PDB file of all heavy atoms in Angstrom:
ATOM      1  N   CYS A   1      98.991 104.557  83.325  1.00  0.00           N
ATOM      2  CA  CYS A   1     100.416 104.594  83.646  1.00  0.00           C
ATOM      3  C   CYS A   1     100.948 103.169  83.729  1.00  0.00           C
ATOM      4  O   CYS A   1     100.454 102.362  84.517  1.00  0.00           O
ATOM      5  CB  CYS A   1     100.663 105.327  84.968  1.00  0.00           C
ATOM      6  SG  CYS A   1     102.399 105.325  85.498  1.00  0.00           S
ATOM      7  N   ILE A   2     101.954 102.862  82.929  1.00  0.00           N
ATOM      8  CA  ILE A   2     102.573 101.530  82.898  1.00  0.00           C
ATOM      9  C   ILE A   2     103.994 101.642  83.433  1.00  0.00           C
ATOM     10  O   ILE A   2     104.826 102.357  82.866  1.00  0.00           O
ATOM     11  CB  ILE A   2     102.608 100.944  81.472  1.00  0.00           C
ATOM     12  CG1 ILE A   2     101.261 101.092  80.765  1.00  0.00           C
ATOM     13  CG2 ILE A   2     103.063  99.492  81.511  1.00  0.00           C
ATOM     14  CD1 ILE A   2     100.165 100.209  81.246  1.00  0.00           C
ATOM     15  N   LEU A   3     104.284 100.955  84.520  1.00  0.00           N
ATOM     16  CA  LEU A   3     105.644 100.880  85.050  1.00  0.00           C
ATOM     17  C   LEU A   3     106.265  99.588  84.528  1.00  0.00           C
ATOM     18  O   LEU A   3     106.051  98.516  85.088  1.00  0.00           O
ATOM     19  CB  LEU A   3     105.632 100.909  86.578  1.00  0.00           C
ATOM     20  CG  LEU A   3     105.039 102.163  87.238  1.00  0.00           C
ATOM     21  CD1 LEU A   3     105.075 102.026  88.755  1.00  0.00           C
ATOM     22  CD2 LEU A   3     105.781 103.403  86.793  1.00  0.00           C
ATOM     23  N   LYS A   4     107.022  99.702  83.452  1.00  0.00           N
ATOM     24  CA  LYS A   4     107.515  98.496  82.791  1.00  0.00           C
ATOM     25  C   LYS A   4     109.035  98.367  82.797  1.00  0.00           C
ATOM     26  O   LYS A   4     109.567  97.383  82.294  1.00  0.00           O
ATOM     27  CB  LYS A   4     107.015  98.458  81.342  1.00  0.00           C
ATOM     28  CG  LYS A   4     107.373  99.652  80.491  1.00  0.00           C
ATOM     29  CD  LYS A   4     106.781  99.503  79.094  1.00  0.00           C
ATOM     30  CE  LYS A   4     107.137 100.670  78.193  1.00  0.00           C
ATOM     31  NZ  LYS A   4     106.566 101.944  78.628  1.00  0.00           N
ATOM     32  N   SER A   5     109.734  99.355  83.342  1.00  0.00           N
ATOM     33  CA  SER A   5     111.189  99.267  83.382  1.00  0.00           C
ATOM     34  C   SER A   5     111.704  99.627  84.768  1.00  0.00           C
ATOM     35  O   SER A   5     111.035 100.329  85.537  1.00  0.00           O
ATOM     36  CB  SER A   5     111.822 100.204  82.342  1.00  0.00           C
ATOM     37  OG  SER A   5     111.666 101.562  82.720  1.00  0.00           O
ATOM     38  N   ASN A   6     112.894  99.144  85.071  1.00  0.00           N
ATOM     39  CA  ASN A   6     113.519  99.449  86.348  1.00  0.00           C
ATOM     40  C   ASN A   6     113.718 100.956  86.524  1.00  0.00           C
ATOM     41  O   ASN A   6     113.524 101.495  87.613  1.00  0.00           O
ATOM     42  CB  ASN A   6     114.872  98.740  86.455  1.00  0.00           C
ATOM     43  CG  ASN A   6     114.713  97.238  86.430  1.00  0.00           C
ATOM     44  OD1 ASN A   6     113.877  96.692  87.135  1.00  0.00           O
ATOM     45  ND2 ASN A   6     115.495  96.569  85.619  1.00  0.00           N
ATOM     46  N   LYS A   7     114.092 101.626  85.452  1.00  0.00           N
ATOM     47  CA  LYS A   7     114.329 103.058  85.508  1.00  0.00           C
ATOM     48  C   LYS A   7     113.054 103.808  85.892  1.00  0.00           C
ATOM     49  O   LYS A   7     113.075 104.689  86.758  1.00  0.00           O
ATOM     50  CB  LYS A   7     114.851 103.560  84.157  1.00  0.00           C
ATOM     51  CG  LYS A   7     115.170 105.046  84.141  1.00  0.00           C
ATOM     52  CD  LYS A   7     115.638 105.483  82.765  1.00  0.00           C
ATOM     53  CE  LYS A   7     115.898 106.998  82.744  1.00  0.00           C
ATOM     54  NZ  LYS A   7     116.300 107.469  81.406  1.00  0.00           N
ATOM     55  N   GLU A   8     111.922 103.450  85.263  1.00  0.00           N
ATOM     56  CA  GLU A   8     110.648 104.102  85.554  1.00  0.00           C
ATOM     57  C   GLU A   8     110.231 103.876  87.005  1.00  0.00           C
ATOM     58  O   GLU A   8     109.762 104.794  87.682  1.00  0.00           O
ATOM     59  CB  GLU A   8     109.564 103.576  84.619  1.00  0.00           C
ATOM     60  CG  GLU A   8     109.708 104.035  83.168  1.00  0.00           C
ATOM     61  CD  GLU A   8     108.717 103.351  82.254  1.00  0.00           C
ATOM     62  OE1 GLU A   8     108.361 102.187  82.515  1.00  0.00           O
ATOM     63  OE2 GLU A   8     108.298 103.975  81.274  1.00  0.00           O
ATOM     64  N   ILE A   9     110.398 102.652  87.475  1.00  0.00           N
ATOM     65  CA  ILE A   9     110.021 102.322  88.848  1.00  0.00           C
ATOM     66  C   ILE A   9     110.875 103.084  89.848  1.00  0.00           C
ATOM     67  O   ILE A   9     110.368 103.652  90.817  1.00  0.00           O
ATOM     68  CB  ILE A   9     110.104 100.806  89.086  1.00  0.00           C
ATOM     69  CG1 ILE A   9     109.045 100.090  88.247  1.00  0.00           C
ATOM     70  CG2 ILE A   9     109.915 100.473  90.562  1.00  0.00           C
ATOM     71  CD1 ILE A   9     109.141  98.583  88.275  1.00  0.00           C
ATOM     72  N   ASN A  10     112.172 103.121  89.608  1.00  0.00           N
ATOM     73  CA  ASN A  10     113.070 103.839  90.512  1.00  0.00           C
ATOM     74  C   ASN A  10     112.726 105.321  90.590  1.00  0.00           C
ATOM     75  O   ASN A  10     112.743 105.925  91.671  1.00  0.00           O
ATOM     76  CB  ASN A  10     114.520 103.661  90.067  1.00  0.00           C
ATOM     77  CG  ASN A  10     115.046 102.272  90.321  1.00  0.00           C
ATOM     78  OD1 ASN A  10     114.540 101.538  91.173  1.00  0.00           O
ATOM     79  ND2 ASN A  10     116.063 101.872  89.587  1.00  0.00           N
ATOM     80  N   GLU A  11     112.405 105.913  89.461  1.00  0.00           N
ATOM     81  CA  GLU A  11     112.034 107.333  89.430  1.00  0.00           C
ATOM     82  C   GLU A  11     110.762 107.594  90.220  1.00  0.00           C
ATOM     83  O   GLU A  11     110.647 108.594  90.938  1.00  0.00           O
ATOM     84  CB  GLU A  11     111.869 107.804  87.983  1.00  0.00           C
ATOM     85  CG  GLU A  11     113.178 107.922  87.209  1.00  0.00           C
ATOM     86  CD  GLU A  11     112.960 108.275  85.749  1.00  0.00           C
ATOM     87  OE1 GLU A  11     111.779 108.291  85.312  1.00  0.00           O
ATOM     88  OE2 GLU A  11     113.953 108.524  85.038  1.00  0.00           O
ATOM     89  N   VAL A  12     109.806 106.684  90.087  1.00  0.00           N
ATOM     90  CA  VAL A  12     108.534 106.820  90.794  1.00  0.00           C
ATOM     91  C   VAL A  12     108.727 106.641  92.294  1.00  0.00           C
ATOM     92  O   VAL A  12     108.171 107.391  93.104  1.00  0.00           O
ATOM     93  CB  VAL A  12     107.511 105.804  90.250  1.00  0.00           C
ATOM     94  CG1 VAL A  12     106.311 105.681  91.195  1.00  0.00           C
ATOM     95  CG2 VAL A  12     107.048 106.209  88.864  1.00  0.00           C
ATOM     96  N   ILE A  13     109.511 105.622  92.671  1.00  0.00           N
ATOM     97  CA  ILE A  13     109.764 105.329  94.075  1.00  0.00           C
ATOM     98  C   ILE A  13     110.370 106.530  94.791  1.00  0.00           C
ATOM     99  O   ILE A  13     110.028 106.851  95.924  1.00  0.00           O
ATOM    100  CB  ILE A  13     110.682 104.093  94.215  1.00  0.00           C
ATOM    101  CG1 ILE A  13     109.969 102.823  93.755  1.00  0.00           C
ATOM    102  CG2 ILE A  13     111.192 103.937  95.652  1.00  0.00           C
ATOM    103  CD1 ILE A  13     108.877 102.382  94.571  1.00  0.00           C
ATOM    104  N   GLU A  14     111.282 107.207  94.120  1.00  0.00           N
ATOM    105  CA  GLU A  14     111.937 108.361  94.712  1.00  0.00           C
ATOM    106  C   GLU A  14     110.961 109.480  95.036  1.00  0.00           C
ATOM    107  O   GLU A  14     111.141 110.226  95.995  1.00  0.00           O
ATOM    108  CB  GLU A  14     113.034 108.889  93.783  1.00  0.00           C
ATOM    109  CG  GLU A  14     114.257 107.988  93.688  1.00  0.00           C
ATOM    110  CD  GLU A  14     115.395 108.635  92.928  1.00  0.00           C
ATOM    111  OE1 GLU A  14     115.715 109.779  93.264  1.00  0.00           O
ATOM    112  OE2 GLU A  14     115.970 108.023  92.037  1.00  0.00           O
ATOM    113  N   LYS A  15     109.900 109.613  94.255  1.00  0.00           N
ATOM    114  CA  LYS A  15     108.957 110.725  94.402  1.00  0.00           C
ATOM    115  C   LYS A  15     107.736 110.369  95.251  1.00  0.00           C
ATOM    116  O   LYS A  15     106.937 111.249  95.573  1.00  0.00           O
ATOM    117  CB  LYS A  15     108.492 111.195  93.025  1.00  0.00           C
ATOM    118  CG  LYS A  15     109.620 111.742  92.150  1.00  0.00           C
ATOM    119  CD  LYS A  15     109.118 112.073  90.755  1.00  0.00           C
ATOM    120  CE  LYS A  15     110.250 112.552  89.857  1.00  0.00           C
ATOM    121  NZ  LYS A  15     109.773 112.807  88.460  1.00  0.00           N
ATOM    122  N   THR A  16     107.594 109.105  95.607  1.00  0.00           N
ATOM    123  CA  THR A  16     106.403 108.663  96.327  1.00  0.00           C
ATOM    124  C   THR A  16     106.567 108.858  97.832  1.00  0.00           C
ATOM    125  O   THR A  16     107.502 108.330  98.437  1.00  0.00           O
ATOM    126  CB  THR A  16     106.093 107.180  96.030  1.00  0.00           C
ATOM    127  OG1 THR A  16     105.898 107.004  94.622  1.00  0.00           O
ATOM    128  CG2 THR A  16     104.840 106.730  96.769  1.00  0.00           C
ATOM    129  N   LYS A  17     105.637 109.603  98.435  1.00  0.00           N
ATOM    130  CA  LYS A  17     105.661 109.805  99.879  1.00  0.00           C
ATOM    131  C   LYS A  17     105.272 108.511 100.585  1.00  0.00           C
ATOM    132  O   LYS A  17     104.480 107.725 100.067  1.00  0.00           O
ATOM    133  CB  LYS A  17     104.716 110.936 100.277  1.00  0.00           C
ATOM    134  CG  LYS A  17     105.112 112.297  99.732  1.00  0.00           C
ATOM    135  CD  LYS A  17     104.093 113.355 100.136  1.00  0.00           C
ATOM    136  CE  LYS A  17     104.469 114.726  99.588  1.00  0.00           C
ATOM    137  NZ  LYS A  17     103.447 115.755  99.929  1.00  0.00           N
ATOM    138  N   ILE A  18     105.803 108.310 101.767  1.00  0.00           N
ATOM    139  CA  ILE A  18     105.573 107.056 102.485  1.00  0.00           C
ATOM    140  C   ILE A  18     104.093 106.854 102.802  1.00  0.00           C
ATOM    141  O   ILE A  18     103.589 105.725 102.781  1.00  0.00           O
ATOM    142  CB  ILE A  18     106.428 106.985 103.782  1.00  0.00           C
ATOM    143  CG1 ILE A  18     106.413 105.561 104.358  1.00  0.00           C
ATOM    144  CG2 ILE A  18     105.966 108.023 104.808  1.00  0.00           C
ATOM    145  CD1 ILE A  18     107.028 104.523 103.447  1.00  0.00           C
ATOM    146  N   ASN A  19     103.351 107.933 103.061  1.00  0.00           N
ATOM    147  CA  ASN A  19     101.925 107.796 103.363  1.00  0.00           C
ATOM    148  C   ASN A  19     101.078 107.498 102.134  1.00  0.00           C
ATOM    149  O   ASN A  19      99.893 107.188 102.250  1.00  0.00           O
ATOM    150  CB  ASN A  19     101.403 109.051 104.067  1.00  0.00           C
ATOM    151  CG  ASN A  19     101.589 110.311 103.255  1.00  0.00           C
ATOM    152  OD1 ASN A  19     102.714 110.686 102.927  1.00  0.00           O
ATOM    153  ND2 ASN A  19     100.511 110.994 102.939  1.00  0.00           N
ATOM    154  N   ASP A  20     101.688 107.572 100.936  1.00  0.00           N
ATOM    155  CA  ASP A  20     100.989 107.231  99.698  1.00  0.00           C
ATOM    156  C   ASP A  20     101.221 105.786  99.269  1.00  0.00           C
ATOM    157  O   ASP A  20     100.720 105.368  98.222  1.00  0.00           O
ATOM    158  CB  ASP A  20     101.418 108.172  98.565  1.00  0.00           C
ATOM    159  CG  ASP A  20     100.884 109.590  98.748  1.00  0.00           C
ATOM    160  OD1 ASP A  20      99.819 109.742  99.385  1.00  0.00           O
ATOM    161  OD2 ASP A  20     101.521 110.544  98.249  1.00  0.00           O
ATOM    162  N   VAL A  21     101.978 105.040 100.059  1.00  0.00           N
ATOM    163  CA  VAL A  21     102.240 103.635  99.752  1.00  0.00           C
ATOM    164  C   VAL A  21     101.083 102.789 100.267  1.00  0.00           C
ATOM    165  O   VAL A  21     100.683 102.902 101.427  1.00  0.00           O
ATOM    166  CB  VAL A  21     103.571 103.157 100.365  1.00  0.00           C
ATOM    167  CG1 VAL A  21     103.769 101.655 100.128  1.00  0.00           C
ATOM    168  CG2 VAL A  21     104.739 103.933  99.778  1.00  0.00           C
ATOM    169  N   TRP A  22     100.538 101.945  99.409  1.00  0.00           N
ATOM    170  CA  TRP A  22      99.429 101.065  99.762  1.00  0.00           C
ATOM    171  C   TRP A  22      99.827 100.167 100.934  1.00  0.00           C
ATOM    172  O   TRP A  22     100.851  99.502 100.903  1.00  0.00           O
ATOM    173  CB  TRP A  22      99.063 100.215  98.544  1.00  0.00           C
ATOM    174  CG  TRP A  22      97.880  99.322  98.721  1.00  0.00           C
ATOM    175  CD1 TRP A  22      96.666  99.658  99.235  1.00  0.00           C
ATOM    176  CD2 TRP A  22      97.779  97.943  98.350  1.00  0.00           C
ATOM    177  NE1 TRP A  22      95.818  98.588  99.214  1.00  0.00           N
ATOM    178  CE2 TRP A  22      96.467  97.517  98.662  1.00  0.00           C
ATOM    179  CE3 TRP A  22      98.667  97.036  97.762  1.00  0.00           C
ATOM    180  CZ2 TRP A  22      96.036  96.218  98.434  1.00  0.00           C
ATOM    181  CZ3 TRP A  22      98.246  95.742  97.526  1.00  0.00           C
ATOM    182  CH2 TRP A  22      96.940  95.343  97.868  1.00  0.00           C
ATOM    183  N   GLY A  23      99.027 100.166 101.977  1.00  0.00           N
ATOM    184  CA  GLY A  23      99.305  99.334 103.144  1.00  0.00           C
ATOM    185  C   GLY A  23      99.972 100.065 104.284  1.00  0.00           C
ATOM    186  O   GLY A  23      99.991  99.579 105.413  1.00  0.00           O
ATOM    187  N   ILE A  24     100.524 101.256 104.005  1.00  0.00           N
ATOM    188  CA  ILE A  24     101.136 102.064 105.059  1.00  0.00           C
ATOM    189  C   ILE A  24     100.073 103.011 105.600  1.00  0.00           C
ATOM    190  O   ILE A  24      99.773 104.051 105.016  1.00  0.00           O
ATOM    191  CB  ILE A  24     102.353 102.866 104.540  1.00  0.00           C
ATOM    192  CG1 ILE A  24     103.412 101.931 103.946  1.00  0.00           C
ATOM    193  CG2 ILE A  24     102.949 103.712 105.659  1.00  0.00           C
ATOM    194  CD1 ILE A  24     104.110 101.053 104.919  1.00  0.00           C
ATOM    195  N   GLY A  25      99.480 102.623 106.708  1.00  0.00           N
ATOM    196  CA  GLY A  25      98.408 103.414 107.297  1.00  0.00           C
ATOM    197  C   GLY A  25      98.920 104.561 108.154  1.00  0.00           C
ATOM    198  O   GLY A  25     100.121 104.868 108.190  1.00  0.00           O
ATOM    199  N   ARG A  26      97.982 105.174 108.866  1.00  0.00           N
ATOM    200  CA  ARG A  26      98.298 106.364 109.660  1.00  0.00           C
ATOM    201  C   ARG A  26      99.332 106.086 110.748  1.00  0.00           C
ATOM    202  O   ARG A  26     100.271 106.846 110.942  1.00  0.00           O
ATOM    203  CB  ARG A  26      97.005 106.916 110.275  1.00  0.00           C
ATOM    204  CG  ARG A  26      97.115 108.292 110.849  1.00  0.00           C
ATOM    205  CD  ARG A  26      95.760 108.812 111.272  1.00  0.00           C
ATOM    206  NE  ARG A  26      94.868 108.963 110.144  1.00  0.00           N
ATOM    207  CZ  ARG A  26      93.590 109.318 110.266  1.00  0.00           C
ATOM    208  NH1 ARG A  26      93.066 109.535 111.455  1.00  0.00           N
ATOM    209  NH2 ARG A  26      92.846 109.445 109.177  1.00  0.00           N
ATOM    210  N   GLN A  27      99.159 104.968 111.467  1.00  0.00           N
ATOM    211  CA  GLN A  27     100.061 104.659 112.568  1.00  0.00           C
ATOM    212  C   GLN A  27     101.467 104.332 112.080  1.00  0.00           C
ATOM    213  O   GLN A  27     102.458 104.784 112.658  1.00  0.00           O
ATOM    214  CB  GLN A  27      99.498 103.495 113.396  1.00  0.00           C
ATOM    215  CG  GLN A  27      98.203 103.823 114.124  1.00  0.00           C
ATOM    216  CD  GLN A  27      98.337 105.019 115.052  1.00  0.00           C
ATOM    217  OE1 GLN A  27      99.306 105.161 115.792  1.00  0.00           O
ATOM    218  NE2 GLN A  27      97.343 105.905 115.005  1.00  0.00           N
ATOM    219  N   TRP A  28     101.567 103.537 111.035  1.00  0.00           N
ATOM    220  CA  TRP A  28     102.884 103.223 110.488  1.00  0.00           C
ATOM    221  C   TRP A  28     103.553 104.455 109.892  1.00  0.00           C
ATOM    222  O   TRP A  28     104.776 104.604 109.970  1.00  0.00           O
ATOM    223  CB  TRP A  28     102.777 102.114 109.439  1.00  0.00           C
ATOM    224  CG  TRP A  28     102.807 100.750 110.042  1.00  0.00           C
ATOM    225  CD1 TRP A  28     102.939 100.433 111.377  1.00  0.00           C
ATOM    226  CD2 TRP A  28     102.724  99.509 109.368  1.00  0.00           C
ATOM    227  NE1 TRP A  28     102.936  99.083 111.556  1.00  0.00           N
ATOM    228  CE2 TRP A  28     102.806  98.479 110.329  1.00  0.00           C
ATOM    229  CE3 TRP A  28     102.577  99.159 108.017  1.00  0.00           C
ATOM    230  CZ2 TRP A  28     102.752  97.133 109.998  1.00  0.00           C
ATOM    231  CZ3 TRP A  28     102.518  97.809 107.686  1.00  0.00           C
ATOM    232  CH2 TRP A  28     102.608  96.812 108.668  1.00  0.00           C
ATOM    233  N   THR A  29     102.764 105.342 109.290  1.00  0.00           N
ATOM    234  CA  THR A  29     103.322 106.589 108.755  1.00  0.00           C
ATOM    235  C   THR A  29     103.968 107.401 109.871  1.00  0.00           C
ATOM    236  O   THR A  29     105.087 107.895 109.727  1.00  0.00           O
ATOM    237  CB  THR A  29     102.228 107.426 108.060  1.00  0.00           C
ATOM    238  OG1 THR A  29     101.727 106.706 106.931  1.00  0.00           O
ATOM    239  CG2 THR A  29     102.781 108.766 107.590  1.00  0.00           C
ATOM    240  N   LYS A  30     103.272 107.527 111.001  1.00  0.00           N
ATOM    241  CA  LYS A  30     103.817 108.254 112.150  1.00  0.00           C
ATOM    242  C   LYS A  30     105.103 107.600 112.643  1.00  0.00           C
ATOM    243  O   LYS A  30     106.093 108.281 112.928  1.00  0.00           O
ATOM    244  CB  LYS A  30     102.790 108.299 113.277  1.00  0.00           C
ATOM    245  CG  LYS A  30     101.596 109.201 113.020  1.00  0.00           C
ATOM    246  CD  LYS A  30     100.651 109.177 114.208  1.00  0.00           C
ATOM    247  CE  LYS A  30      99.436 110.076 113.963  1.00  0.00           C
ATOM    248  NZ  LYS A  30      98.476 110.007 115.114  1.00  0.00           N
ATOM    249  N   PHE A  31     105.073 106.277 112.747  1.00  0.00           N
ATOM    250  CA  PHE A  31     106.242 105.535 113.226  1.00  0.00           C
ATOM    251  C   PHE A  31     107.445 105.731 112.301  1.00  0.00           C
ATOM    252  O   PHE A  31     108.558 106.006 112.760  1.00  0.00           O
ATOM    253  CB  PHE A  31     105.901 104.053 113.341  1.00  0.00           C
ATOM    254  CG  PHE A  31     107.099 103.157 113.530  1.00  0.00           C
ATOM    255  CD1 PHE A  31     107.774 103.115 114.739  1.00  0.00           C
ATOM    256  CD2 PHE A  31     107.561 102.369 112.477  1.00  0.00           C
ATOM    257  CE1 PHE A  31     108.889 102.301 114.903  1.00  0.00           C
ATOM    258  CE2 PHE A  31     108.677 101.554 112.625  1.00  0.00           C
ATOM    259  CZ  PHE A  31     109.339 101.519 113.848  1.00  0.00           C
ATOM    260  N   LEU A  32     107.240 105.601 110.994  1.00  0.00           N
ATOM    261  CA  LEU A  32     108.333 105.721 110.034  1.00  0.00           C
ATOM    262  C   LEU A  32     108.877 107.144 109.980  1.00  0.00           C
ATOM    263  O   LEU A  32     110.085 107.358 109.884  1.00  0.00           O
ATOM    264  CB  LEU A  32     107.871 105.267 108.646  1.00  0.00           C
ATOM    265  CG  LEU A  32     107.609 103.756 108.510  1.00  0.00           C
ATOM    266  CD1 LEU A  32     106.889 103.447 107.202  1.00  0.00           C
ATOM    267  CD2 LEU A  32     108.908 102.967 108.597  1.00  0.00           C
ATOM    268  N   MET A  33     107.975 108.115 110.058  1.00  0.00           N
ATOM    269  CA  MET A  33     108.436 109.503 110.047  1.00  0.00           C
ATOM    270  C   MET A  33     109.270 109.835 111.272  1.00  0.00           C
ATOM    271  O   MET A  33     110.214 110.621 111.208  1.00  0.00           O
ATOM    272  CB  MET A  33     107.241 110.445 109.932  1.00  0.00           C
ATOM    273  CG  MET A  33     106.630 110.499 108.530  1.00  0.00           C
ATOM    274  SD  MET A  33     105.262 111.686 108.404  1.00  0.00           S
ATOM    275  CE  MET A  33     104.961 111.651 106.627  1.00  0.00           C
ATOM    276  N   LYS A  34     108.918 109.231 112.423  1.00  0.00           N
ATOM    277  CA  LYS A  34     109.728 109.413 113.632  1.00  0.00           C
ATOM    278  C   LYS A  34     111.132 108.854 113.442  1.00  0.00           C
ATOM    279  O   LYS A  34     112.083 109.295 114.098  1.00  0.00           O
ATOM    280  CB  LYS A  34     109.057 108.733 114.827  1.00  0.00           C
ATOM    281  CG  LYS A  34     107.885 109.511 115.404  1.00  0.00           C
ATOM    282  CD  LYS A  34     107.311 108.800 116.616  1.00  0.00           C
ATOM    283  CE  LYS A  34     106.113 109.578 117.190  1.00  0.00           C
ATOM    284  NZ  LYS A  34     105.533 108.861 118.367  1.00  0.00           N
ATOM    285  N   ASN A  35     111.248 107.885 112.535  1.00  0.00           N
ATOM    286  CA  ASN A  35     112.551 107.290 112.225  1.00  0.00           C
ATOM    287  C   ASN A  35     113.147 107.879 110.934  1.00  0.00           C
ATOM    288  O   ASN A  35     114.008 107.248 110.301  1.00  0.00           O
ATOM    289  CB  ASN A  35     112.420 105.776 112.108  1.00  0.00           C
ATOM    290  CG  ASN A  35     112.226 105.092 113.447  1.00  0.00           C
ATOM    291  OD1 ASN A  35     113.188 104.773 114.140  1.00  0.00           O
ATOM    292  ND2 ASN A  35     110.968 104.865 113.828  1.00  0.00           N
ATOM    293  N   ASN A  36     112.670 109.068 110.554  1.00  0.00           N
ATOM    294  CA  ASN A  36     113.195 109.814 109.405  1.00  0.00           C
ATOM    295  C   ASN A  36     113.012 109.092 108.067  1.00  0.00           C
ATOM    296  O   ASN A  36     113.831 109.201 107.168  1.00  0.00           O
ATOM    297  CB  ASN A  36     114.679 110.160 109.626  1.00  0.00           C
ATOM    298  CG  ASN A  36     114.881 111.095 110.808  1.00  0.00           C
ATOM    299  OD1 ASN A  36     114.152 112.074 110.962  1.00  0.00           O
ATOM    300  ND2 ASN A  36     115.846 110.769 111.658  1.00  0.00           N
ATOM    301  N   ILE A  37     111.935 108.359 107.971  1.00  0.00           N
ATOM    302  CA  ILE A  37     111.574 107.695 106.716  1.00  0.00           C
ATOM    303  C   ILE A  37     110.365 108.420 106.148  1.00  0.00           C
ATOM    304  O   ILE A  37     109.252 108.306 106.663  1.00  0.00           O
ATOM    305  CB  ILE A  37     111.260 106.206 106.930  1.00  0.00           C
ATOM    306  CG1 ILE A  37     112.390 105.494 107.680  1.00  0.00           C
ATOM    307  CG2 ILE A  37     110.964 105.526 105.587  1.00  0.00           C
ATOM    308  CD1 ILE A  37     113.717 105.539 106.982  1.00  0.00           C
ATOM    309  N   PHE A  38     110.565 109.185 105.056  1.00  0.00           N
ATOM    310  CA  PHE A  38     109.514 110.020 104.509  1.00  0.00           C
ATOM    311  C   PHE A  38     109.084 109.614 103.095  1.00  0.00           C
ATOM    312  O   PHE A  38     108.057 110.063 102.618  1.00  0.00           O
ATOM    313  CB  PHE A  38     109.958 111.483 104.492  1.00  0.00           C
ATOM    314  CG  PHE A  38     110.278 112.024 105.860  1.00  0.00           C
ATOM    315  CD1 PHE A  38     111.593 112.065 106.313  1.00  0.00           C
ATOM    316  CD2 PHE A  38     109.267 112.481 106.694  1.00  0.00           C
ATOM    317  CE1 PHE A  38     111.885 112.560 107.583  1.00  0.00           C
ATOM    318  CE2 PHE A  38     109.558 112.980 107.959  1.00  0.00           C
ATOM    319  CZ  PHE A  38     110.865 113.005 108.399  1.00  0.00           C
ATOM    320  N   THR A  39     109.876 108.789 102.433  1.00  0.00           N
ATOM    321  CA  THR A  39     109.573 108.386 101.063  1.00  0.00           C
ATOM    322  C   THR A  39     109.658 106.876 100.895  1.00  0.00           C
ATOM    323  O   THR A  39     110.245 106.171 101.727  1.00  0.00           O
ATOM    324  CB  THR A  39     110.541 109.037 100.060  1.00  0.00           C
ATOM    325  OG1 THR A  39     111.864 108.511 100.273  1.00  0.00           O
ATOM    326  CG2 THR A  39     110.554 110.552 100.212  1.00  0.00           C
ATOM    327  N   ALA A  40     109.067 106.377  99.809  1.00  0.00           N
ATOM    328  CA  ALA A  40     109.155 104.953  99.495  1.00  0.00           C
ATOM    329  C   ALA A  40     110.603 104.533  99.264  1.00  0.00           C
ATOM    330  O   ALA A  40     110.989 103.413  99.602  1.00  0.00           O
ATOM    331  CB  ALA A  40     108.301 104.644  98.261  1.00  0.00           C
ATOM    332  N   LYS A  41     111.417 105.431  98.681  1.00  0.00           N
ATOM    333  CA  LYS A  41     112.827 105.139  98.451  1.00  0.00           C
ATOM    334  C   LYS A  41     113.532 104.868  99.770  1.00  0.00           C
ATOM    335  O   LYS A  41     114.264 103.875  99.909  1.00  0.00           O
ATOM    336  CB  LYS A  41     113.501 106.305  97.728  1.00  0.00           C
ATOM    337  CG  LYS A  41     115.016 106.165  97.603  1.00  0.00           C
ATOM    338  CD  LYS A  41     115.628 107.384  96.939  1.00  0.00           C
ATOM    339  CE  LYS A  41     117.157 107.263  96.902  1.00  0.00           C
ATOM    340  NZ  LYS A  41     117.782 108.425  96.228  1.00  0.00           N
ATOM    341  N   GLU A  42     113.316 105.728 100.752  1.00  0.00           N
ATOM    342  CA  GLU A  42     113.965 105.554 102.049  1.00  0.00           C
ATOM    343  C   GLU A  42     113.495 104.280 102.738  1.00  0.00           C
ATOM    344  O   GLU A  42     114.260 103.619 103.444  1.00  0.00           O
ATOM    345  CB  GLU A  42     113.699 106.781 102.923  1.00  0.00           C
ATOM    346  CG  GLU A  42     114.377 108.046 102.409  1.00  0.00           C
ATOM    347  CD  GLU A  42     113.885 109.314 103.081  1.00  0.00           C
ATOM    348  OE1 GLU A  42     112.746 109.304 103.622  1.00  0.00           O
ATOM    349  OE2 GLU A  42     114.611 110.327 103.050  1.00  0.00           O
ATOM    350  N   PHE A  43     112.246 103.912 102.515  1.00  0.00           N
ATOM    351  CA  PHE A  43     111.709 102.681 103.091  1.00  0.00           C
ATOM    352  C   PHE A  43     112.361 101.455 102.465  1.00  0.00           C
ATOM    353  O   PHE A  43     112.707 100.497 103.153  1.00  0.00           O
ATOM    354  CB  PHE A  43     110.194 102.643 102.899  1.00  0.00           C
ATOM    355  CG  PHE A  43     109.526 101.445 103.504  1.00  0.00           C
ATOM    356  CD1 PHE A  43     109.520 101.239 104.874  1.00  0.00           C
ATOM    357  CD2 PHE A  43     108.893 100.508 102.698  1.00  0.00           C
ATOM    358  CE1 PHE A  43     108.899 100.126 105.430  1.00  0.00           C
ATOM    359  CE2 PHE A  43     108.274  99.406 103.241  1.00  0.00           C
ATOM    360  CZ  PHE A  43     108.274  99.212 104.603  1.00  0.00           C
TER     361      PHE A  43
END
């Protein structure tokens, strides 16, 4: 999978869950979800 354009990246970001983002561990996932942040887009 090659993310080479802004359009492709934006589409992917919208569909990526916050807990699937590299570096966002269990504790940060809980914290962000408490603040209604569920996706990479919202982050």
